[in-house]
Amino acid sequence: MVQKGYIVAGVEHYGNTWEVYDHTYVCRPWERPMDVRFALDFLLESSPFSSRISLDQIGLCGYS
């Protein structure tokens, strides 16, 4: 995707990674959108890419 000009970000959901696995967090999928929102807010406001992101061309994939 990067080779096609996309900015790509991976979001790690606390409690559901190889490093930190906690079933009490895995069982709360309604909190995942907040993780995505946190990442987007950072990318849009504080990242070196913020000026290159088009607000009408943001997508999400890989939500399993």
N, C-alpha and C. Protein backbone atom coordinates (compact mmCIF):
# COMPACT_ATOMS: atom_id res chain seq x y z
N MET A 1 0.82 -1.19 0.00
CA MET A 1 0.00 0.00 0.00
C MET A 1 0.86 1.26 0.00
N VAL A 2 1.96 1.22 0.74
CA VAL A 2 2.85 2.37 0.79
C VAL A 2 3.40 2.68 -0.60
N GLN A 3 3.73 1.64 -1.34
CA GLN A 3 4.27 1.83 -2.69
C GLN A 3 3.26 2.49 -3.63
N LYS A 4 1.98 2.41 -3.29
CA LYS A 4 0.93 3.05 -4.07
C LYS A 4 0.61 4.45 -3.56
N GLY A 5 1.33 4.91 -2.54
CA GLY A 5 1.15 6.27 -2.05
C GLY A 5 0.30 6.42 -0.80
N TYR A 6 -0.08 5.32 -0.20
CA TYR A 6 -0.89 5.38 1.01
C TYR A 6 -0.01 5.53 2.25
N ILE A 7 -0.53 6.20 3.26
CA ILE A 7 0.09 6.22 4.58
C ILE A 7 -0.58 5.10 5.35
N VAL A 8 0.22 4.22 5.91
CA VAL A 8 -0.31 3.03 6.58
C VAL A 8 0.07 3.06 8.05
N ALA A 9 -0.90 2.79 8.91
CA ALA A 9 -0.65 2.74 10.35
C ALA A 9 -1.23 1.44 10.89
N GLY A 10 -0.51 0.80 11.77
CA GLY A 10 -1.00 -0.39 12.45
C GLY A 10 -1.38 -0.04 13.87
N VAL A 11 -2.52 -0.50 14.30
CA VAL A 11 -3.01 -0.21 15.64
C VAL A 11 -2.91 -1.48 16.48
N GLU A 12 -2.25 -1.38 17.61
CA GLU A 12 -2.20 -2.49 18.55
C GLU A 12 -3.24 -2.23 19.64
N HIS A 13 -4.09 -3.21 19.84
CA HIS A 13 -5.11 -3.08 20.87
C HIS A 13 -4.56 -3.66 22.17
N TYR A 14 -4.51 -2.84 23.20
CA TYR A 14 -3.94 -3.28 24.47
C TYR A 14 -4.62 -4.56 24.94
N GLY A 15 -3.80 -5.49 25.38
CA GLY A 15 -4.31 -6.75 25.90
C GLY A 15 -4.50 -7.81 24.85
N ASN A 16 -4.27 -7.45 23.58
CA ASN A 16 -4.48 -8.41 22.50
C ASN A 16 -3.28 -8.43 21.57
N THR A 17 -2.09 -8.47 22.16
CA THR A 17 -0.86 -8.55 21.39
C THR A 17 -0.03 -9.71 21.92
N TRP A 18 1.03 -10.03 21.19
CA TRP A 18 1.92 -11.09 21.64
C TRP A 18 2.61 -10.72 22.95
N GLU A 19 2.88 -9.44 23.12
CA GLU A 19 3.60 -9.00 24.31
C GLU A 19 2.70 -8.92 25.55
N VAL A 20 1.50 -8.45 25.35
CA VAL A 20 0.55 -8.29 26.46
C VAL A 20 -0.77 -8.93 26.06
N TYR A 21 -1.06 -10.09 26.62
CA TYR A 21 -2.34 -10.74 26.34
C TYR A 21 -3.12 -10.86 27.64
N ASP A 22 -4.30 -10.27 27.64
CA ASP A 22 -5.15 -10.30 28.83
C ASP A 22 -6.58 -10.51 28.35
N HIS A 23 -7.17 -11.64 28.67
CA HIS A 23 -8.50 -11.97 28.16
C HIS A 23 -9.57 -10.97 28.58
N THR A 24 -9.37 -10.24 29.67
CA THR A 24 -10.38 -9.26 30.08
C THR A 24 -10.45 -8.10 29.09
N TYR A 25 -9.34 -7.79 28.41
CA TYR A 25 -9.36 -6.74 27.40
C TYR A 25 -9.83 -7.28 26.05
N VAL A 26 -9.48 -8.51 25.75
CA VAL A 26 -9.90 -9.12 24.49
C VAL A 26 -11.42 -9.22 24.43
N CYS A 27 -12.04 -9.40 25.56
CA CYS A 27 -13.50 -9.55 25.62
C CYS A 27 -14.23 -8.22 25.64
N ARG A 28 -13.53 -7.13 25.36
CA ARG A 28 -14.16 -5.80 25.33
C ARG A 28 -13.90 -5.14 23.96
N PRO A 29 -14.44 -5.73 22.89
CA PRO A 29 -14.16 -5.21 21.55
C PRO A 29 -14.73 -3.82 21.30
N TRP A 30 -15.69 -3.38 22.10
CA TRP A 30 -16.25 -2.05 21.91
C TRP A 30 -15.23 -0.95 22.20
N GLU A 31 -14.11 -1.29 22.85
CA GLU A 31 -13.08 -0.29 23.10
C GLU A 31 -12.13 -0.11 21.92
N ARG A 32 -12.16 -1.00 20.96
CA ARG A 32 -11.23 -0.93 19.84
C ARG A 32 -11.40 0.33 18.99
N PRO A 33 -12.62 0.78 18.74
CA PRO A 33 -12.74 2.03 17.99
C PRO A 33 -12.03 3.21 18.66
N MET A 34 -11.95 3.19 19.99
CA MET A 34 -11.23 4.27 20.69
C MET A 34 -9.74 4.20 20.39
N ASP A 35 -9.20 2.99 20.23
CA ASP A 35 -7.80 2.83 19.84
C ASP A 35 -7.56 3.40 18.46
N VAL A 36 -8.48 3.12 17.54
CA VAL A 36 -8.36 3.63 16.18
C VAL A 36 -8.46 5.15 16.19
N ARG A 37 -9.39 5.68 16.95
CA ARG A 37 -9.56 7.14 17.05
C ARG A 37 -8.30 7.80 17.59
N PHE A 38 -7.68 7.19 18.60
CA PHE A 38 -6.45 7.72 19.17
C PHE A 38 -5.35 7.77 18.10
N ALA A 39 -5.21 6.70 17.33
CA ALA A 39 -4.19 6.66 16.28
C ALA A 39 -4.48 7.70 15.20
N LEU A 40 -5.73 7.82 14.79
CA LEU A 40 -6.08 8.82 13.77
C LEU A 40 -5.84 10.24 14.27
N ASP A 41 -6.24 10.50 15.51
CA ASP A 41 -6.00 11.84 16.07
C ASP A 41 -4.52 12.17 16.05
N PHE A 42 -3.69 11.22 16.43
CA PHE A 42 -2.25 11.46 16.41
C PHE A 42 -1.77 11.73 14.99
N LEU A 43 -2.18 10.88 14.05
CA LEU A 43 -1.72 11.05 12.67
C LEU A 43 -2.16 12.39 12.09
N LEU A 44 -3.37 12.82 12.42
CA LEU A 44 -3.90 14.07 11.86
C LEU A 44 -3.36 15.32 12.55
N GLU A 45 -2.96 15.21 13.81
CA GLU A 45 -2.58 16.40 14.57
C GLU A 45 -1.09 16.51 14.88
N SER A 46 -0.42 15.38 15.11
CA SER A 46 0.93 15.45 15.66
C SER A 46 2.01 14.74 14.85
N SER A 47 1.63 13.98 13.86
CA SER A 47 2.63 13.19 13.14
C SER A 47 3.30 14.02 12.05
N PRO A 48 4.46 13.59 11.60
CA PRO A 48 5.12 14.28 10.48
C PRO A 48 4.31 14.20 9.19
N PHE A 49 3.33 13.31 9.14
CA PHE A 49 2.51 13.14 7.94
C PHE A 49 1.23 13.96 7.96
N SER A 50 0.97 14.66 9.04
CA SER A 50 -0.32 15.32 9.21
C SER A 50 -0.71 16.24 8.06
N SER A 51 0.22 16.92 7.48
CA SER A 51 -0.12 17.84 6.38
C SER A 51 -0.35 17.11 5.07
N ARG A 52 -0.03 15.83 5.00
CA ARG A 52 -0.17 15.06 3.77
C ARG A 52 -1.40 14.17 3.75
N ILE A 53 -2.20 14.20 4.83
CA ILE A 53 -3.36 13.32 4.93
C ILE A 53 -4.61 14.06 4.47
N SER A 54 -5.32 13.45 3.54
CA SER A 54 -6.57 14.00 3.05
C SER A 54 -7.71 13.43 3.88
N LEU A 55 -8.48 14.29 4.54
CA LEU A 55 -9.54 13.84 5.42
C LEU A 55 -10.63 13.05 4.70
N ASP A 56 -10.81 13.29 3.42
CA ASP A 56 -11.85 12.57 2.69
C ASP A 56 -11.34 11.28 2.05
N GLN A 57 -10.11 10.87 2.40
CA GLN A 57 -9.55 9.63 1.85
C GLN A 57 -8.95 8.77 2.96
N ILE A 58 -9.65 8.64 4.05
CA ILE A 58 -9.20 7.79 5.14
C ILE A 58 -10.02 6.50 5.12
N GLY A 59 -9.34 5.39 5.26
CA GLY A 59 -10.03 4.09 5.27
C GLY A 59 -9.50 3.22 6.37
N LEU A 60 -10.19 2.11 6.59
CA LEU A 60 -9.84 1.17 7.63
C LEU A 60 -10.03 -0.23 7.09
N CYS A 61 -9.07 -1.08 7.30
CA CYS A 61 -9.22 -2.47 6.89
C CYS A 61 -8.54 -3.37 7.91
N GLY A 62 -8.88 -4.63 7.89
CA GLY A 62 -8.24 -5.59 8.76
C GLY A 62 -8.91 -5.80 10.08
N TYR A 63 -10.09 -5.24 10.27
CA TYR A 63 -10.82 -5.45 11.51
C TYR A 63 -11.37 -6.87 11.52
N SER A 64 -10.74 -7.74 12.26
CA SER A 64 -11.21 -9.13 12.26
C SER A 64 -11.90 -9.47 13.55
